[in-house]
Amino acid sequence: MSYHDIDYDDDAEEKSETTLQSAREELEYWTELFQEQKNEKPEEWMFYRNPFLDPDVFAYWILNDEEKKLIVH
């Protein structure tokens, strides 16, 4: 097998349909992760993140455009 025989599917995630449920799950995952970071190391959170923004704001920024549209509407 050579390098040219490998099929890289870069658009695999884009091919799956984004639903409101999947967008909410993605947002929930990132919100929980950022909340854990904030709770475990508040001094790092204050240094690396804007302390005036909640973890859900950072989680929203990670979503792709389609997911953001579904969450907002």
PDB file of N, CA and C in Angstrom:
ATOM      1  N   MET A   1       0.847  -1.172   0.000  1.00  0.00           N
ATOM      2  CA  MET A   1       0.000   0.000   0.000  1.00  0.00           C
ATOM      3  C   MET A   1       0.896   1.240   0.000  1.00  0.00           C
ATOM      4  N   SER A   2       0.620   2.134  -0.880  1.00  0.00           N
ATOM      5  CA  SER A   2       1.403   3.357  -0.960  1.00  0.00           C
ATOM      6  C   SER A   2       0.611   4.534  -0.381  1.00  0.00           C
ATOM      7  N   TYR A   3       1.277   5.627  -0.285  1.00  0.00           N
ATOM      8  CA  TYR A   3       0.658   6.849   0.254  1.00  0.00           C
ATOM      9  C   TYR A   3      -0.584   7.233  -0.550  1.00  0.00           C
ATOM     10  N   HIS A   4      -0.553   7.035  -1.845  1.00  0.00           N
ATOM     11  CA  HIS A   4      -1.655   7.430  -2.726  1.00  0.00           C
ATOM     12  C   HIS A   4      -2.859   6.503  -2.611  1.00  0.00           C
ATOM     13  N   ASP A   5      -2.665   5.334  -2.039  1.00  0.00           N
ATOM     14  CA  ASP A   5      -3.770   4.392  -1.878  1.00  0.00           C
ATOM     15  C   ASP A   5      -4.621   4.673  -0.638  1.00  0.00           C
ATOM     16  N   ILE A   6      -4.112   5.505   0.249  1.00  0.00           N
ATOM     17  CA  ILE A   6      -4.854   5.802   1.478  1.00  0.00           C
ATOM     18  C   ILE A   6      -5.942   6.809   1.164  1.00  0.00           C
ATOM     19  N   ASP A   7      -7.144   6.486   1.607  1.00  0.00           N
ATOM     20  CA  ASP A   7      -8.292   7.362   1.361  1.00  0.00           C
ATOM     21  C   ASP A   7      -8.544   8.191   2.623  1.00  0.00           C
ATOM     22  N   TYR A   8      -8.149   9.437   2.560  1.00  0.00           N
ATOM     23  CA  TYR A   8      -8.388  10.339   3.683  1.00  0.00           C
ATOM     24  C   TYR A   8      -9.706  11.060   3.439  1.00  0.00           C
ATOM     25  N   ASP A   9     -10.625  10.866   4.349  1.00  0.00           N
ATOM     26  CA  ASP A   9     -11.937  11.496   4.214  1.00  0.00           C
ATOM     27  C   ASP A   9     -12.002  12.683   5.173  1.00  0.00           C
ATOM     28  N   ASP A  10     -11.502  13.819   4.708  1.00  0.00           N
ATOM     29  CA  ASP A  10     -11.467  15.012   5.547  1.00  0.00           C
ATOM     30  C   ASP A  10     -12.855  15.571   5.832  1.00  0.00           C
ATOM     31  N   ASP A  11     -13.816  15.258   4.983  1.00  0.00           N
ATOM     32  CA  ASP A  11     -15.157  15.797   5.137  1.00  0.00           C
ATOM     33  C   ASP A  11     -16.098  14.824   5.843  1.00  0.00           C
ATOM     34  N   ALA A  12     -15.575  13.846   6.538  1.00  0.00           N
ATOM     35  CA  ALA A  12     -16.409  12.825   7.178  1.00  0.00           C
ATOM     36  C   ALA A  12     -17.372  13.430   8.185  1.00  0.00           C
ATOM     37  N   GLU A  13     -16.905  14.375   8.981  1.00  0.00           N
ATOM     38  CA  GLU A  13     -17.776  14.993   9.973  1.00  0.00           C
ATOM     39  C   GLU A  13     -18.826  15.874   9.311  1.00  0.00           C
ATOM     40  N   GLU A  14     -18.464  16.534   8.225  1.00  0.00           N
ATOM     41  CA  GLU A  14     -19.398  17.418   7.554  1.00  0.00           C
ATOM     42  C   GLU A  14     -20.505  16.646   6.842  1.00  0.00           C
ATOM     43  N   LYS A  15     -20.254  15.400   6.482  1.00  0.00           N
ATOM     44  CA  LYS A  15     -21.254  14.604   5.779  1.00  0.00           C
ATOM     45  C   LYS A  15     -22.388  14.180   6.701  1.00  0.00           C
ATOM     46  N   SER A  16     -22.098  14.028   7.989  1.00  0.00           N
ATOM     47  CA  SER A  16     -23.162  13.638   8.901  1.00  0.00           C
ATOM     48  C   SER A  16     -24.060  14.839   9.160  1.00  0.00           C
ATOM     49  N   GLU A  17     -25.328  14.570   9.274  1.00  0.00           N
ATOM     50  CA  GLU A  17     -26.307  15.631   9.446  1.00  0.00           C
ATOM     51  C   GLU A  17     -26.256  16.154  10.882  1.00  0.00           C
ATOM     52  N   THR A  18     -26.182  17.454  11.005  1.00  0.00           N
ATOM     53  CA  THR A  18     -26.184  18.075  12.324  1.00  0.00           C
ATOM     54  C   THR A  18     -27.626  18.335  12.723  1.00  0.00           C
ATOM     55  N   THR A  19     -28.004  17.812  13.870  1.00  0.00           N
ATOM     56  CA  THR A  19     -29.352  18.013  14.384  1.00  0.00           C
ATOM     57  C   THR A  19     -29.297  18.902  15.617  1.00  0.00           C
ATOM     58  N   LEU A  20     -30.446  19.385  16.023  1.00  0.00           N
ATOM     59  CA  LEU A  20     -30.513  20.196  17.227  1.00  0.00           C
ATOM     60  C   LEU A  20     -30.010  19.408  18.424  1.00  0.00           C
ATOM     61  N   GLN A  21     -30.379  18.135  18.492  1.00  0.00           N
ATOM     62  CA  GLN A  21     -29.950  17.287  19.599  1.00  0.00           C
ATOM     63  C   GLN A  21     -28.430  17.128  19.622  1.00  0.00           C
ATOM     64  N   SER A  22     -27.825  16.877  18.465  1.00  0.00           N
ATOM     65  CA  SER A  22     -26.366  16.709  18.429  1.00  0.00           C
ATOM     66  C   SER A  22     -25.662  18.021  18.758  1.00  0.00           C
ATOM     67  N   ALA A  23     -26.230  19.148  18.328  1.00  0.00           N
ATOM     68  CA  ALA A  23     -25.641  20.446  18.649  1.00  0.00           C
ATOM     69  C   ALA A  23     -25.719  20.715  20.146  1.00  0.00           C
ATOM     70  N   ARG A  24     -26.841  20.380  20.766  1.00  0.00           N
ATOM     71  CA  ARG A  24     -26.982  20.564  22.217  1.00  0.00           C
ATOM     72  C   ARG A  24     -26.007  19.678  22.984  1.00  0.00           C
ATOM     73  N   GLU A  25     -25.840  18.441  22.520  1.00  0.00           N
ATOM     74  CA  GLU A  25     -24.901  17.524  23.179  1.00  0.00           C
ATOM     75  C   GLU A  25     -23.476  18.039  23.074  1.00  0.00           C
ATOM     76  N   GLU A  26     -23.120  18.567  21.923  1.00  0.00           N
ATOM     77  CA  GLU A  26     -21.780  19.129  21.724  1.00  0.00           C
ATOM     78  C   GLU A  26     -21.566  20.322  22.655  1.00  0.00           C
ATOM     79  N   LEU A  27     -22.555  21.202  22.719  1.00  0.00           N
ATOM     80  CA  LEU A  27     -22.468  22.367  23.600  1.00  0.00           C
ATOM     81  C   LEU A  27     -22.365  21.940  25.059  1.00  0.00           C
ATOM     82  N   GLU A  28     -23.142  20.963  25.445  1.00  0.00           N
ATOM     83  CA  GLU A  28     -23.122  20.466  26.818  1.00  0.00           C
ATOM     84  C   GLU A  28     -21.757  19.861  27.167  1.00  0.00           C
ATOM     85  N   TYR A  29     -21.204  19.104  26.237  1.00  0.00           N
ATOM     86  CA  TYR A  29     -19.891  18.492  26.470  1.00  0.00           C
ATOM     87  C   TYR A  29     -18.840  19.562  26.754  1.00  0.00           C
ATOM     88  N   TRP A  30     -18.750  20.558  25.883  1.00  0.00           N
ATOM     89  CA  TRP A  30     -17.726  21.589  26.032  1.00  0.00           C
ATOM     90  C   TRP A  30     -17.991  22.455  27.256  1.00  0.00           C
ATOM     91  N   THR A  31     -19.241  22.732  27.555  1.00  0.00           N
ATOM     92  CA  THR A  31     -19.564  23.528  28.736  1.00  0.00           C
ATOM     93  C   THR A  31     -19.094  22.807  29.999  1.00  0.00           C
ATOM     94  N   GLU A  32     -19.386  21.516  30.093  1.00  0.00           N
ATOM     95  CA  GLU A  32     -18.953  20.732  31.258  1.00  0.00           C
ATOM     96  C   GLU A  32     -17.434  20.694  31.361  1.00  0.00           C
ATOM     97  N   LEU A  33     -16.759  20.516  30.239  1.00  0.00           N
ATOM     98  CA  LEU A  33     -15.299  20.469  30.242  1.00  0.00           C
ATOM     99  C   LEU A  33     -14.712  21.789  30.746  1.00  0.00           C
ATOM    100  N   PHE A  34     -15.208  22.903  30.224  1.00  0.00           N
ATOM    101  CA  PHE A  34     -14.692  24.202  30.648  1.00  0.00           C
ATOM    102  C   PHE A  34     -15.059  24.507  32.096  1.00  0.00           C
ATOM    103  N   GLN A  35     -16.225  24.080  32.539  1.00  0.00           N
ATOM    104  CA  GLN A  35     -16.616  24.291  33.928  1.00  0.00           C
ATOM    105  C   GLN A  35     -15.693  23.516  34.865  1.00  0.00           C
ATOM    106  N   GLU A  36     -15.341  22.291  34.484  1.00  0.00           N
ATOM    107  CA  GLU A  36     -14.396  21.495  35.278  1.00  0.00           C
ATOM    108  C   GLU A  36     -13.036  22.191  35.355  1.00  0.00           C
ATOM    109  N   GLN A  37     -12.579  22.721  34.227  1.00  0.00           N
ATOM    110  CA  GLN A  37     -11.300  23.433  34.221  1.00  0.00           C
ATOM    111  C   GLN A  37     -11.356  24.643  35.148  1.00  0.00           C
ATOM    112  N   LYS A  38     -12.459  25.364  35.085  1.00  0.00           N
ATOM    113  CA  LYS A  38     -12.613  26.564  35.913  1.00  0.00           C
ATOM    114  C   LYS A  38     -12.648  26.196  37.398  1.00  0.00           C
ATOM    115  N   ASN A  39     -13.333  25.107  37.736  1.00  0.00           N
ATOM    116  CA  ASN A  39     -13.451  24.692  39.131  1.00  0.00           C
ATOM    117  C   ASN A  39     -12.148  24.127  39.685  1.00  0.00           C
ATOM    118  N   GLU A  40     -11.440  23.352  38.872  1.00  0.00           N
ATOM    119  CA  GLU A  40     -10.223  22.685  39.335  1.00  0.00           C
ATOM    120  C   GLU A  40      -9.034  23.638  39.463  1.00  0.00           C
ATOM    121  N   LYS A  41      -8.926  24.564  38.536  1.00  0.00           N
ATOM    122  CA  LYS A  41      -7.784  25.484  38.553  1.00  0.00           C
ATOM    123  C   LYS A  41      -8.259  26.916  38.262  1.00  0.00           C
ATOM    124  N   PRO A  42      -8.902  27.541  39.231  1.00  0.00           N
ATOM    125  CA  PRO A  42      -9.451  28.881  38.992  1.00  0.00           C
ATOM    126  C   PRO A  42      -8.386  29.926  38.635  1.00  0.00           C
ATOM    127  N   GLU A  43      -7.183  29.775  39.186  1.00  0.00           N
ATOM    128  CA  GLU A  43      -6.134  30.754  38.877  1.00  0.00           C
ATOM    129  C   GLU A  43      -5.699  30.657  37.417  1.00  0.00           C
ATOM    130  N   GLU A  44      -5.663  29.450  36.877  1.00  0.00           N
ATOM    131  CA  GLU A  44      -5.336  29.292  35.450  1.00  0.00           C
ATOM    132  C   GLU A  44      -6.471  29.802  34.582  1.00  0.00           C
ATOM    133  N   TRP A  45      -7.698  29.550  35.016  1.00  0.00           N
ATOM    134  CA  TRP A  45      -8.861  30.043  34.265  1.00  0.00           C
ATOM    135  C   TRP A  45      -8.803  31.570  34.181  1.00  0.00           C
ATOM    136  N   MET A  46      -8.486  32.213  35.294  1.00  0.00           N
ATOM    137  CA  MET A  46      -8.431  33.677  35.323  1.00  0.00           C
ATOM    138  C   MET A  46      -7.299  34.198  34.427  1.00  0.00           C
ATOM    139  N   PHE A  47      -6.227  33.423  34.293  1.00  0.00           N
ATOM    140  CA  PHE A  47      -5.092  33.859  33.490  1.00  0.00           C
ATOM    141  C   PHE A  47      -5.319  33.610  31.997  1.00  0.00           C
ATOM    142  N   TYR A  48      -5.784  32.407  31.647  1.00  0.00           N
ATOM    143  CA  TYR A  48      -5.893  32.026  30.237  1.00  0.00           C
ATOM    144  C   TYR A  48      -7.215  32.407  29.590  1.00  0.00           C
ATOM    145  N   ARG A  49      -8.237  32.613  30.369  1.00  0.00           N
ATOM    146  CA  ARG A  49      -9.560  32.936  29.839  1.00  0.00           C
ATOM    147  C   ARG A  49      -9.999  34.299  30.365  1.00  0.00           C
ATOM    148  N   ASN A  50     -10.967  34.864  29.720  1.00  0.00           N
ATOM    149  CA  ASN A  50     -11.561  36.095  30.211  1.00  0.00           C
ATOM    150  C   ASN A  50     -12.407  35.749  31.430  1.00  0.00           C
ATOM    151  N   PRO A  51     -12.042  36.230  32.618  1.00  0.00           N
ATOM    152  CA  PRO A  51     -12.763  35.839  33.829  1.00  0.00           C
ATOM    153  C   PRO A  51     -14.201  36.333  33.866  1.00  0.00           C
ATOM    154  N   PHE A  52     -14.559  37.240  32.976  1.00  0.00           N
ATOM    155  CA  PHE A  52     -15.917  37.770  32.952  1.00  0.00           C
ATOM    156  C   PHE A  52     -16.855  36.942  32.072  1.00  0.00           C
ATOM    157  N   LEU A  53     -16.289  35.951  31.362  1.00  0.00           N
ATOM    158  CA  LEU A  53     -17.098  35.101  30.504  1.00  0.00           C
ATOM    159  C   LEU A  53     -17.273  33.731  31.148  1.00  0.00           C
ATOM    160  N   ASP A  54     -18.470  33.186  31.024  1.00  0.00           N
ATOM    161  CA  ASP A  54     -18.776  31.878  31.585  1.00  0.00           C
ATOM    162  C   ASP A  54     -18.290  30.771  30.655  1.00  0.00           C
ATOM    163  N   PRO A  55     -18.119  29.564  31.183  1.00  0.00           N
ATOM    164  CA  PRO A  55     -17.687  28.431  30.357  1.00  0.00           C
ATOM    165  C   PRO A  55     -18.599  28.157  29.163  1.00  0.00           C
ATOM    166  N   ASP A  56     -19.892  28.452  29.289  1.00  0.00           N
ATOM    167  CA  ASP A  56     -20.784  28.190  28.161  1.00  0.00           C
ATOM    168  C   ASP A  56     -20.499  29.100  26.970  1.00  0.00           C
ATOM    169  N   VAL A  57     -19.932  30.272  27.207  1.00  0.00           N
ATOM    170  CA  VAL A  57     -19.554  31.167  26.106  1.00  0.00           C
ATOM    171  C   VAL A  57     -18.399  30.553  25.315  1.00  0.00           C
ATOM    172  N   PHE A  58     -17.400  30.053  26.034  1.00  0.00           N
ATOM    173  CA  PHE A  58     -16.268  29.416  25.365  1.00  0.00           C
ATOM    174  C   PHE A  58     -16.722  28.148  24.629  1.00  0.00           C
ATOM    175  N   ALA A  59     -17.651  27.419  25.223  1.00  0.00           N
ATOM    176  CA  ALA A  59     -18.178  26.214  24.586  1.00  0.00           C
ATOM    177  C   ALA A  59     -18.895  26.567  23.290  1.00  0.00           C
ATOM    178  N   TYR A  60     -19.660  27.634  23.293  1.00  0.00           N
ATOM    179  CA  TYR A  60     -20.380  28.073  22.096  1.00  0.00           C
ATOM    180  C   TYR A  60     -19.408  28.429  20.975  1.00  0.00           C
ATOM    181  N   TRP A  61     -18.299  29.071  21.310  1.00  0.00           N
ATOM    182  CA  TRP A  61     -17.312  29.464  20.305  1.00  0.00           C
ATOM    183  C   TRP A  61     -16.705  28.256  19.605  1.00  0.00           C
ATOM    184  N   ILE A  62     -16.679  27.110  20.251  1.00  0.00           N
ATOM    185  CA  ILE A  62     -16.085  25.914  19.651  1.00  0.00           C
ATOM    186  C   ILE A  62     -17.005  25.277  18.610  1.00  0.00           C
ATOM    187  N   LEU A  63     -18.293  25.477  18.726  1.00  0.00           N
ATOM    188  CA  LEU A  63     -19.241  24.870  17.793  1.00  0.00           C
ATOM    189  C   LEU A  63     -19.009  25.374  16.375  1.00  0.00           C
ATOM    190  N   ASN A  64     -19.349  24.523  15.406  1.00  0.00           N
ATOM    191  CA  ASN A  64     -19.246  24.982  14.024  1.00  0.00           C
ATOM    192  C   ASN A  64     -20.460  25.860  13.696  1.00  0.00           C
ATOM    193  N   ASP A  65     -20.454  26.501  12.545  1.00  0.00           N
ATOM    194  CA  ASP A  65     -21.493  27.464  12.198  1.00  0.00           C
ATOM    195  C   ASP A  65     -22.893  26.848  12.179  1.00  0.00           C
ATOM    196  N   GLU A  66     -22.989  25.643  11.656  1.00  0.00           N
ATOM    197  CA  GLU A  66     -24.299  24.985  11.580  1.00  0.00           C
ATOM    198  C   GLU A  66     -24.848  24.700  12.984  1.00  0.00           C
ATOM    199  N   GLU A  67     -23.979  24.245  13.864  1.00  0.00           N
ATOM    200  CA  GLU A  67     -24.398  23.973  15.239  1.00  0.00           C
ATOM    201  C   GLU A  67     -24.817  25.259  15.951  1.00  0.00           C
ATOM    202  N   LYS A  68     -24.074  26.315  15.712  1.00  0.00           N
ATOM    203  CA  LYS A  68     -24.417  27.611  16.321  1.00  0.00           C
ATOM    204  C   LYS A  68     -25.795  28.086  15.868  1.00  0.00           C
ATOM    205  N   LYS A  69     -26.078  27.939  14.580  1.00  0.00           N
ATOM    206  CA  LYS A  69     -27.392  28.358  14.063  1.00  0.00           C
ATOM    207  C   LYS A  69     -28.512  27.562  14.715  1.00  0.00           C
ATOM    208  N   LEU A  70     -28.315  26.267  14.894  1.00  0.00           N
ATOM    209  CA  LEU A  70     -29.353  25.449  15.508  1.00  0.00           C
ATOM    210  C   LEU A  70     -29.575  25.816  16.972  1.00  0.00           C
ATOM    211  N   ILE A  71     -28.508  26.111  17.683  1.00  0.00           N
ATOM    212  CA  ILE A  71     -28.619  26.484  19.093  1.00  0.00           C
ATOM    213  C   ILE A  71     -29.327  27.825  19.251  1.00  0.00           C
ATOM    214  N   VAL A  72     -28.983  28.779  18.420  1.00  0.00           N
ATOM    215  CA  VAL A  72     -29.534  30.131  18.539  1.00  0.00           C
ATOM    216  C   VAL A  72     -31.003  30.165  18.132  1.00  0.00           C
ATOM    217  N   HIS A  73     -31.351  29.422  17.096  1.00  0.00           N
ATOM    218  CA  HIS A  73     -32.731  29.484  16.595  1.00  0.00           C
ATOM    219  C   HIS A  73     -33.528  28.447  17.235  1.00  0.00           C
TER     220      HIS A  73
END
